Each structure stands twice: as C-alpha cells, then as structure tokens.
C-alpha cells in the first residue's frame, strides 16, 4: 500500500496578482515538484471579508 506525506502552505492573492510575483509562485511550485511534491488542490481562503485573500495550496508526495 502506498504511503504519502502532505504539505500545505498559503500564498496571498495580492502577492501573486498585484505584485507581479506570479513567476516566483510558479518557480516555487516547480521547485517543489522537482522534490517529488504534487499539487493536489488549491482552495481560496476569505477570512471575514467575502473575497479571496489567500490561496491554500495542498501537496503530496509518496514516502519511500
């Protein structure tokens, strides 16, 4: 049976869209991918204001 480990991190929406950090976000995801991590989901987080303030990124990789 396969065993997995999981990783979760948040990224500010403004950090990606309004500060031209999309490339940095993409680089981080690609770097994690080269370490065996796979993005399995991205969920919006809107604490109290009704708009999306953060994205919660969920990743997994197989344990050896």
C-alpha atoms as a PDB file:
ATOM      1  CA  UNK A   1       0.000   0.000   0.000  1.00  0.00           C
ATOM      2  CA  UNK A   2       1.334   3.448  -0.910  1.00  0.00           C
ATOM      3  CA  UNK A   3       2.080   5.888   1.898  1.00  0.00           C
ATOM      4  CA  UNK A   4       2.004   9.645   1.422  1.00  0.00           C
ATOM      5  CA  UNK A   5       3.150  12.761   3.191  1.00  0.00           C
ATOM      6  CA  UNK A   6       1.366  16.070   2.816  1.00  0.00           C
ATOM      7  CA  UNK A   7       2.350  19.715   2.812  1.00  0.00           C
ATOM      8  CA  UNK A   8       0.156  22.801   2.980  1.00  0.00           C
ATOM      9  CA  UNK A   9       1.071  26.450   2.509  1.00  0.00           C
ATOM     10  CA  UNK A  10      -0.807  29.698   1.975  1.00  0.00           C
ATOM     11  CA  UNK A  11       0.010  32.383  -0.530  1.00  0.00           C
ATOM     12  CA  UNK A  12      -1.532  35.851  -0.607  1.00  0.00           C
ATOM     13  CA  UNK A  13      -3.577  36.570  -3.714  1.00  0.00           C
ATOM     14  CA  UNK A  14      -2.212  40.107  -3.795  1.00  0.00           C
ATOM     15  CA  UNK A  15       1.299  38.668  -3.680  1.00  0.00           C
ATOM     16  CA  UNK A  16       0.639  36.796  -6.925  1.00  0.00           C
ATOM     17  CA  UNK A  17      -1.510  39.171  -8.942  1.00  0.00           C
ATOM     18  CA  UNK A  18      -0.736  42.674  -7.788  1.00  0.00           C
ATOM     19  CA  UNK A  19       2.975  42.460  -7.054  1.00  0.00           C
ATOM     20  CA  UNK A  20       3.907  40.568 -10.230  1.00  0.00           C
ATOM     21  CA  UNK A  21       5.018  37.575  -8.190  1.00  0.00           C
ATOM     22  CA  UNK A  22       3.298  35.012 -10.407  1.00  0.00           C
ATOM     23  CA  UNK A  23       6.686  33.876 -11.726  1.00  0.00           C
ATOM     24  CA  UNK A  24       8.007  33.405  -8.167  1.00  0.00           C
ATOM     25  CA  UNK A  25       4.940  31.346  -7.257  1.00  0.00           C
ATOM     26  CA  UNK A  26       5.416  29.224 -10.380  1.00  0.00           C
ATOM     27  CA  UNK A  27       9.098  28.747  -9.542  1.00  0.00           C
ATOM     28  CA  UNK A  28       8.206  27.610  -6.012  1.00  0.00           C
ATOM     29  CA  UNK A  29       5.669  25.080  -7.327  1.00  0.00           C
ATOM     30  CA  UNK A  30       8.169  23.796  -9.915  1.00  0.00           C
ATOM     31  CA  UNK A  31      10.907  23.501  -7.285  1.00  0.00           C
ATOM     32  CA  UNK A  32       8.598  21.513  -5.006  1.00  0.00           C
ATOM     33  CA  UNK A  33       7.647  19.343  -7.995  1.00  0.00           C
ATOM     34  CA  UNK A  34      11.302  18.536  -8.628  1.00  0.00           C
ATOM     35  CA  UNK A  35      11.462  17.358  -4.992  1.00  0.00           C
ATOM     36  CA  UNK A  36       8.607  14.944  -5.651  1.00  0.00           C
ATOM     37  CA  UNK A  37       5.708  17.105  -4.425  1.00  0.00           C
ATOM     38  CA  UNK A  38       2.494  17.149  -6.461  1.00  0.00           C
ATOM     39  CA  UNK A  39      -0.138  19.876  -6.110  1.00  0.00           C
ATOM     40  CA  UNK A  40      -3.411  18.111  -5.402  1.00  0.00           C
ATOM     41  CA  UNK A  41      -5.623  21.115  -4.715  1.00  0.00           C
ATOM     42  CA  UNK A  42      -5.700  24.879  -4.365  1.00  0.00           C
ATOM     43  CA  UNK A  43      -8.507  26.389  -2.302  1.00  0.00           C
ATOM     44  CA  UNK A  44      -9.449  30.039  -1.813  1.00  0.00           C
ATOM     45  CA  UNK A  45      -9.459  31.418   1.729  1.00  0.00           C
ATOM     46  CA  UNK A  46     -11.519  34.504   2.530  1.00  0.00           C
ATOM     47  CA  UNK A  47     -11.222  35.369   6.229  1.00  0.00           C
ATOM     48  CA  UNK A  48     -14.192  37.561   7.097  1.00  0.00           C
ATOM     49  CA  UNK A  49     -14.430  39.882   4.108  1.00  0.00           C
ATOM     50  CA  UNK A  50     -16.162  37.785   1.453  1.00  0.00           C
ATOM     51  CA  UNK A  51     -13.317  37.991  -1.073  1.00  0.00           C
ATOM     52  CA  UNK A  52     -10.412  35.674  -1.626  1.00  0.00           C
ATOM     53  CA  UNK A  53      -7.382  36.902   0.309  1.00  0.00           C
ATOM     54  CA  UNK A  54      -5.248  33.770   0.233  1.00  0.00           C
ATOM     55  CA  UNK A  55      -4.884  30.549  -1.675  1.00  0.00           C
ATOM     56  CA  UNK A  56      -4.230  27.406   0.335  1.00  0.00           C
ATOM     57  CA  UNK A  57      -2.045  25.027  -1.669  1.00  0.00           C
ATOM     58  CA  UNK A  58      -2.165  21.305  -0.819  1.00  0.00           C
ATOM     59  CA  UNK A  59       0.616  18.979  -1.965  1.00  0.00           C
ATOM     60  CA  UNK A  60       1.511  15.320  -1.514  1.00  0.00           C
ATOM     61  CA  UNK A  61       4.424  13.046  -2.256  1.00  0.00           C
ATOM     62  CA  UNK A  62       4.995   9.355  -1.895  1.00  0.00           C
ATOM     63  CA  UNK A  63       7.003   8.151   1.092  1.00  0.00           C
ATOM     64  CA  UNK A  64       9.817   5.736   0.302  1.00  0.00           C
END
